[in-house]
Each structure stands twice: as C-alpha cells, then as structure tokens.
Amino acid sequence: MGATTNQEQLGRNNLIGNGTTLKGEIVATGDIRIDGTIIGTVKSTGKVVIGQQGVVEGEIICNSADISGHAKGTIRVEELTSLKSTSRLEVDLYTKQLFIEIGAIFTGKCDMTQKVAEMPKK
C-alpha cells in the first residue's frame, strides 16, 4: 500500500467503543470518538468526542472537543470546547472558546488566555 496523504488522514475517524478500556497514550490524526474508557493521554489533530458513556482520566490535547461523558485531568483545546448537558468534568481546561449547555457539571479551572502550544505542562 502507498503512503496516505494529509487529506486522507484528515478524513479518518477513530472509535473507542463502549465496553473497551485502554490504558496509555493514543495519538490520532483526524477525529476520535470515545464511548469506552481511556486512562492516559489522548492526542488528536482533529476533534475529540466523548460520548455519554465515555470516560477519560488523564490528558486530552486536540483541536476541538465535544464532551457528553466524563473527564478527569487536563484538557487542552486549540479552538472550541463544547460541554453537553450530560457531561461531568473535573479538569483543568485550557481552550480558546467554551460552550456549556444547561445541566453540564464542570469542576476545576478554565483558562481561555493562551494557545495550546504556550500552555504550561504538568
């Protein structure tokens, strides 16, 4: 098989299904949807979607995030973070823009002043 182009990589979607638990680091080109559990780090050049049953404990680094499930740790988003009404977060959030639906639970801090590349590492 030949090498894939950047355009082909951007169209890719990755799925961590309900009932699946992964520990470690995930690096994805394109979007990733998490309906299972991730304990560790998720890095994506695209959007990270955490479904209602999804859980991430650790760090998320991505271009945009759409969260309906649970997250605990640190989230670093280059553009827009959307917290749906079913989301439950205990995080330090670094994002350019934030949208929160009524019913979402957010505990932690939110910093909207820096770019992801400039954010302090823990």
N, C-alpha and C. Protein backbone atom coordinates (compact mmCIF):
# COMPACT_ATOMS: atom_id res chain seq x y z
N MET A 1 0.84 -1.19 0.00
CA MET A 1 0.00 0.00 0.00
C MET A 1 0.87 1.24 0.00
N GLY A 2 0.43 2.27 -0.67
CA GLY A 2 1.17 3.51 -0.75
C GLY A 2 0.95 4.38 0.47
N ALA A 3 1.72 5.41 0.57
CA ALA A 3 1.59 6.35 1.68
C ALA A 3 0.29 7.14 1.55
N THR A 4 -0.31 7.47 2.68
CA THR A 4 -1.54 8.26 2.64
C THR A 4 -1.20 9.74 2.64
N THR A 5 -2.08 10.51 2.05
CA THR A 5 -1.89 11.95 2.01
C THR A 5 -2.49 12.58 3.26
N ASN A 6 -2.12 13.83 3.52
CA ASN A 6 -2.69 14.54 4.66
C ASN A 6 -4.20 14.65 4.54
N GLN A 7 -4.73 14.84 3.32
CA GLN A 7 -6.17 14.96 3.11
C GLN A 7 -6.87 13.65 3.50
N GLU A 8 -6.29 12.50 3.16
CA GLU A 8 -6.87 11.21 3.53
C GLU A 8 -6.86 11.03 5.04
N GLN A 9 -5.78 11.45 5.70
CA GLN A 9 -5.68 11.31 7.15
C GLN A 9 -6.72 12.18 7.86
N LEU A 10 -6.97 13.39 7.35
CA LEU A 10 -7.93 14.29 7.99
C LEU A 10 -9.35 13.74 7.93
N GLY A 11 -9.66 12.91 6.95
CA GLY A 11 -10.98 12.35 6.83
C GLY A 11 -11.22 11.12 7.69
N ARG A 12 -10.21 10.66 8.39
CA ARG A 12 -10.33 9.45 9.18
C ARG A 12 -11.02 9.72 10.51
N ASN A 13 -11.83 8.76 10.91
CA ASN A 13 -12.47 8.79 12.21
C ASN A 13 -12.04 7.56 12.99
N ASN A 14 -11.78 7.72 14.25
CA ASN A 14 -11.36 6.64 15.12
C ASN A 14 -12.40 6.47 16.21
N LEU A 15 -12.68 5.22 16.61
CA LEU A 15 -13.70 4.95 17.61
C LEU A 15 -13.17 4.02 18.68
N ILE A 16 -13.37 4.42 19.94
CA ILE A 16 -13.12 3.55 21.08
C ILE A 16 -14.51 3.21 21.60
N GLY A 17 -14.94 1.96 21.38
CA GLY A 17 -16.32 1.56 21.65
C GLY A 17 -16.64 1.36 23.12
N ASN A 18 -17.94 1.41 23.43
CA ASN A 18 -18.45 1.15 24.77
C ASN A 18 -18.01 -0.25 25.20
N GLY A 19 -17.54 -0.39 26.43
CA GLY A 19 -17.06 -1.68 26.93
C GLY A 19 -15.57 -1.88 26.73
N THR A 20 -14.91 -0.95 26.06
CA THR A 20 -13.46 -1.03 25.83
C THR A 20 -12.74 -0.11 26.80
N THR A 21 -11.67 -0.61 27.42
CA THR A 21 -10.82 0.20 28.29
C THR A 21 -9.40 0.16 27.74
N LEU A 22 -8.82 1.34 27.55
CA LEU A 22 -7.44 1.46 27.09
C LEU A 22 -6.63 2.24 28.11
N LYS A 23 -5.41 1.77 28.37
CA LYS A 23 -4.50 2.49 29.26
C LYS A 23 -3.26 2.83 28.46
N GLY A 24 -2.84 4.11 28.55
CA GLY A 24 -1.66 4.54 27.83
C GLY A 24 -1.91 5.81 27.04
N GLU A 25 -1.25 5.93 25.89
CA GLU A 25 -1.34 7.13 25.07
C GLU A 25 -1.93 6.78 23.70
N ILE A 26 -2.90 7.59 23.28
CA ILE A 26 -3.48 7.45 21.94
C ILE A 26 -3.12 8.70 21.16
N VAL A 27 -2.55 8.52 19.98
CA VAL A 27 -2.24 9.63 19.09
C VAL A 27 -2.99 9.38 17.79
N ALA A 28 -3.87 10.32 17.42
CA ALA A 28 -4.71 10.13 16.24
C ALA A 28 -4.59 11.32 15.30
N THR A 29 -4.52 11.02 14.00
CA THR A 29 -4.68 12.07 13.02
C THR A 29 -6.15 12.02 12.64
N GLY A 30 -6.79 13.14 12.63
CA GLY A 30 -8.22 13.17 12.38
C GLY A 30 -8.99 13.12 13.69
N ASP A 31 -10.26 12.80 13.60
CA ASP A 31 -11.16 12.82 14.74
C ASP A 31 -11.15 11.50 15.49
N ILE A 32 -11.52 11.54 16.77
CA ILE A 32 -11.64 10.33 17.57
C ILE A 32 -12.89 10.45 18.44
N ARG A 33 -13.66 9.37 18.50
CA ARG A 33 -14.85 9.31 19.36
C ARG A 33 -14.59 8.26 20.42
N ILE A 34 -14.87 8.64 21.68
CA ILE A 34 -14.62 7.75 22.81
C ILE A 34 -15.96 7.44 23.48
N ASP A 35 -16.38 6.19 23.37
CA ASP A 35 -17.57 5.72 24.06
C ASP A 35 -17.18 4.73 25.16
N GLY A 36 -15.91 4.36 25.22
CA GLY A 36 -15.38 3.48 26.24
C GLY A 36 -14.63 4.29 27.28
N THR A 37 -13.58 3.68 27.86
CA THR A 37 -12.78 4.32 28.90
C THR A 37 -11.32 4.41 28.47
N ILE A 38 -10.74 5.59 28.65
CA ILE A 38 -9.32 5.80 28.38
C ILE A 38 -8.68 6.29 29.68
N ILE A 39 -7.63 5.62 30.09
CA ILE A 39 -6.85 6.07 31.24
C ILE A 39 -5.46 6.39 30.69
N GLY A 40 -5.16 7.68 30.56
CA GLY A 40 -3.90 8.09 29.97
C GLY A 40 -4.06 9.37 29.17
N THR A 41 -3.43 9.41 28.00
CA THR A 41 -3.39 10.63 27.19
C THR A 41 -4.02 10.38 25.83
N VAL A 42 -4.83 11.36 25.40
CA VAL A 42 -5.42 11.33 24.07
C VAL A 42 -4.94 12.57 23.33
N LYS A 43 -4.26 12.38 22.19
CA LYS A 43 -3.80 13.48 21.36
C LYS A 43 -4.42 13.32 19.98
N SER A 44 -5.03 14.40 19.47
CA SER A 44 -5.66 14.34 18.17
C SER A 44 -5.44 15.66 17.43
N THR A 45 -5.21 15.56 16.13
CA THR A 45 -5.09 16.76 15.31
C THR A 45 -6.46 17.30 14.93
N GLY A 46 -7.51 16.54 15.24
CA GLY A 46 -8.87 16.94 14.92
C GLY A 46 -9.71 17.11 16.16
N LYS A 47 -10.94 16.61 16.09
CA LYS A 47 -11.91 16.74 17.18
C LYS A 47 -11.90 15.48 18.04
N VAL A 48 -12.00 15.66 19.35
CA VAL A 48 -12.21 14.55 20.28
C VAL A 48 -13.64 14.65 20.77
N VAL A 49 -14.39 13.56 20.59
CA VAL A 49 -15.77 13.47 21.05
C VAL A 49 -15.82 12.42 22.15
N ILE A 50 -16.33 12.82 23.32
CA ILE A 50 -16.56 11.85 24.39
C ILE A 50 -18.07 11.65 24.48
N GLY A 51 -18.52 10.45 24.12
CA GLY A 51 -19.94 10.13 24.15
C GLY A 51 -20.46 10.05 25.58
N GLN A 52 -21.78 9.90 25.74
CA GLN A 52 -22.39 9.87 27.06
C GLN A 52 -21.83 8.78 27.95
N GLN A 53 -21.44 7.64 27.39
CA GLN A 53 -20.87 6.55 28.17
C GLN A 53 -19.34 6.64 28.25
N GLY A 54 -18.75 7.60 27.56
CA GLY A 54 -17.30 7.72 27.51
C GLY A 54 -16.69 8.31 28.77
N VAL A 55 -15.47 7.84 29.08
CA VAL A 55 -14.72 8.32 30.25
C VAL A 55 -13.26 8.49 29.84
N VAL A 56 -12.69 9.65 30.19
CA VAL A 56 -11.26 9.86 30.00
C VAL A 56 -10.69 10.34 31.32
N GLU A 57 -9.70 9.62 31.82
CA GLU A 57 -8.96 10.02 33.02
C GLU A 57 -7.53 10.24 32.59
N GLY A 58 -7.10 11.50 32.58
CA GLY A 58 -5.75 11.82 32.14
C GLY A 58 -5.72 13.14 31.42
N GLU A 59 -5.10 13.16 30.24
CA GLU A 59 -4.94 14.40 29.50
C GLU A 59 -5.50 14.25 28.09
N ILE A 60 -6.17 15.30 27.63
CA ILE A 60 -6.66 15.38 26.26
C ILE A 60 -6.04 16.60 25.61
N ILE A 61 -5.46 16.42 24.43
CA ILE A 61 -4.88 17.52 23.66
C ILE A 61 -5.46 17.40 22.25
N CYS A 62 -6.16 18.45 21.79
CA CYS A 62 -6.82 18.34 20.49
C CYS A 62 -7.14 19.71 19.92
N ASN A 63 -7.68 19.71 18.71
CA ASN A 63 -8.09 20.94 18.05
C ASN A 63 -9.44 21.43 18.57
N SER A 64 -10.41 20.50 18.74
CA SER A 64 -11.71 20.85 19.30
C SER A 64 -12.24 19.65 20.07
N ALA A 65 -13.16 19.91 21.01
CA ALA A 65 -13.69 18.84 21.86
C ALA A 65 -15.19 19.00 22.01
N ASP A 66 -15.88 17.87 21.99
CA ASP A 66 -17.33 17.81 22.17
C ASP A 66 -17.57 16.73 23.23
N ILE A 67 -17.94 17.16 24.45
CA ILE A 67 -17.97 16.24 25.58
C ILE A 67 -19.39 16.05 26.10
N SER A 68 -19.83 14.79 26.10
CA SER A 68 -21.12 14.41 26.66
C SER A 68 -20.94 13.49 27.86
N GLY A 69 -19.77 12.93 28.03
CA GLY A 69 -19.49 11.97 29.09
C GLY A 69 -18.68 12.56 30.22
N HIS A 70 -17.74 11.75 30.74
CA HIS A 70 -16.96 12.12 31.92
C HIS A 70 -15.49 12.33 31.56
N ALA A 71 -14.88 13.34 32.19
CA ALA A 71 -13.45 13.58 32.02
C ALA A 71 -12.87 14.04 33.35
N LYS A 72 -11.66 13.57 33.62
CA LYS A 72 -10.95 13.96 34.83
C LYS A 72 -9.48 14.13 34.47
N GLY A 73 -8.89 15.28 34.79
CA GLY A 73 -7.49 15.52 34.47
C GLY A 73 -7.27 16.89 33.87
N THR A 74 -6.65 16.91 32.68
CA THR A 74 -6.34 18.16 31.98
C THR A 74 -6.81 18.06 30.54
N ILE A 75 -7.45 19.14 30.07
CA ILE A 75 -7.90 19.19 28.68
C ILE A 75 -7.31 20.45 28.06
N ARG A 76 -6.63 20.28 26.91
CA ARG A 76 -6.02 21.39 26.17
C ARG A 76 -6.60 21.40 24.76
N VAL A 77 -7.39 22.44 24.46
CA VAL A 77 -8.10 22.51 23.19
C VAL A 77 -7.70 23.78 22.46
N GLU A 78 -7.29 23.63 21.21
CA GLU A 78 -6.84 24.76 20.40
C GLU A 78 -7.98 25.72 20.05
N GLU A 79 -9.18 25.19 19.81
CA GLU A 79 -10.30 26.03 19.38
C GLU A 79 -11.48 25.94 20.35
N LEU A 80 -12.56 25.25 19.96
CA LEU A 80 -13.82 25.23 20.71
C LEU A 80 -13.97 23.97 21.55
N THR A 81 -14.38 24.17 22.81
CA THR A 81 -14.77 23.07 23.69
C THR A 81 -16.26 23.20 23.95
N SER A 82 -17.02 22.12 23.67
CA SER A 82 -18.46 22.10 23.92
C SER A 82 -18.77 21.08 25.00
N LEU A 83 -19.42 21.54 26.07
CA LEU A 83 -19.83 20.64 27.16
C LEU A 83 -21.33 20.44 27.05
N LYS A 84 -21.74 19.22 26.75
CA LYS A 84 -23.15 18.90 26.61
C LYS A 84 -23.79 18.75 27.99
N SER A 85 -25.12 18.73 28.03
CA SER A 85 -25.85 18.70 29.30
C SER A 85 -25.54 17.48 30.15
N THR A 86 -25.08 16.39 29.54
CA THR A 86 -24.78 15.17 30.28
C THR A 86 -23.32 15.06 30.72
N SER A 87 -22.52 16.07 30.39
CA SER A 87 -21.08 16.00 30.71
C SER A 87 -20.82 16.24 32.18
N ARG A 88 -19.77 15.55 32.68
CA ARG A 88 -19.32 15.68 34.07
C ARG A 88 -17.80 15.80 34.03
N LEU A 89 -17.28 16.98 34.38
CA LEU A 89 -15.84 17.21 34.28
C LEU A 89 -15.24 17.63 35.60
N GLU A 90 -14.06 17.07 35.90
CA GLU A 90 -13.20 17.51 36.99
C GLU A 90 -11.84 17.73 36.33
N VAL A 91 -11.66 18.92 35.76
CA VAL A 91 -10.48 19.15 34.92
C VAL A 91 -9.93 20.55 35.07
N ASP A 92 -8.69 20.69 34.63
CA ASP A 92 -8.12 21.98 34.31
C ASP A 92 -8.26 22.11 32.80
N LEU A 93 -9.04 23.08 32.37
CA LEU A 93 -9.37 23.24 30.96
C LEU A 93 -8.67 24.46 30.39
N TYR A 94 -7.97 24.25 29.28
CA TYR A 94 -7.33 25.32 28.53
C TYR A 94 -7.96 25.30 27.14
N THR A 95 -8.64 26.38 26.76
CA THR A 95 -9.34 26.40 25.49
C THR A 95 -9.47 27.84 24.98
N LYS A 96 -9.67 27.97 23.69
CA LYS A 96 -9.87 29.29 23.11
C LYS A 96 -11.31 29.75 23.30
N GLN A 97 -12.27 28.82 23.11
CA GLN A 97 -13.69 29.13 23.24
C GLN A 97 -14.37 28.01 24.02
N LEU A 98 -15.40 28.38 24.80
CA LEU A 98 -16.11 27.40 25.62
C LEU A 98 -17.61 27.58 25.49
N PHE A 99 -18.32 26.46 25.25
CA PHE A 99 -19.77 26.45 25.19
C PHE A 99 -20.26 25.42 26.20
N ILE A 100 -21.14 25.83 27.13
CA ILE A 100 -21.64 24.93 28.16
C ILE A 100 -23.16 24.89 28.12
N GLU A 101 -23.73 23.70 27.92
CA GLU A 101 -25.18 23.53 27.96
C GLU A 101 -25.65 23.47 29.41
N ILE A 102 -26.89 23.86 29.63
CA ILE A 102 -27.50 23.76 30.95
C ILE A 102 -27.52 22.29 31.36
N GLY A 103 -27.09 22.01 32.58
CA GLY A 103 -27.06 20.65 33.09
C GLY A 103 -25.65 20.08 33.17
N ALA A 104 -24.72 20.64 32.41
CA ALA A 104 -23.33 20.16 32.46
C ALA A 104 -22.74 20.48 33.84
N ILE A 105 -21.88 19.60 34.32
CA ILE A 105 -21.20 19.83 35.59
C ILE A 105 -19.72 19.99 35.32
N PHE A 106 -19.18 21.14 35.67
CA PHE A 106 -17.77 21.46 35.46
C PHE A 106 -17.16 21.87 36.79
N THR A 107 -16.17 21.10 37.24
CA THR A 107 -15.44 21.41 38.45
C THR A 107 -13.97 21.51 38.07
N GLY A 108 -13.35 22.63 38.41
CA GLY A 108 -11.96 22.82 38.06
C GLY A 108 -11.71 24.25 37.66
N LYS A 109 -10.70 24.44 36.81
CA LYS A 109 -10.41 25.79 36.35
C LYS A 109 -10.44 25.83 34.83
N CYS A 110 -10.70 27.02 34.32
CA CYS A 110 -10.74 27.23 32.88
C CYS A 110 -9.86 28.42 32.54
N ASP A 111 -8.93 28.22 31.62
CA ASP A 111 -8.04 29.28 31.16
C ASP A 111 -8.27 29.46 29.67
N MET A 112 -8.72 30.66 29.27
CA MET A 112 -9.00 30.93 27.87
C MET A 112 -8.06 31.99 27.30
N THR A 113 -6.89 32.14 27.90
CA THR A 113 -6.00 33.23 27.52
C THR A 113 -4.79 32.80 26.70
N GLN A 114 -4.51 31.50 26.59
CA GLN A 114 -3.28 31.05 25.95
C GLN A 114 -3.56 30.05 24.83
N LYS A 115 -2.63 29.95 23.91
CA LYS A 115 -2.69 28.91 22.89
C LYS A 115 -2.17 27.60 23.49
N VAL A 116 -2.60 26.48 22.91
CA VAL A 116 -2.19 25.18 23.42
C VAL A 116 -0.67 25.07 23.50
N ALA A 117 0.04 25.55 22.48
CA ALA A 117 1.50 25.44 22.44
C ALA A 117 2.15 26.21 23.58
N GLU A 118 1.47 27.24 24.11
CA GLU A 118 2.05 28.07 25.16
C GLU A 118 1.62 27.63 26.57
N MET A 119 0.77 26.62 26.67
CA MET A 119 0.23 26.22 27.96
C MET A 119 1.26 25.50 28.80
N PRO A 120 1.22 25.71 30.11
CA PRO A 120 2.18 25.04 30.98
C PRO A 120 1.96 23.53 30.99
N LYS A 121 3.04 22.79 30.99
CA LYS A 121 2.98 21.33 31.08
C LYS A 121 3.06 20.94 32.55
N LYS A 122 2.35 19.88 32.90
CA LYS A 122 2.39 19.39 34.28
C LYS A 122 3.41 18.31 34.44
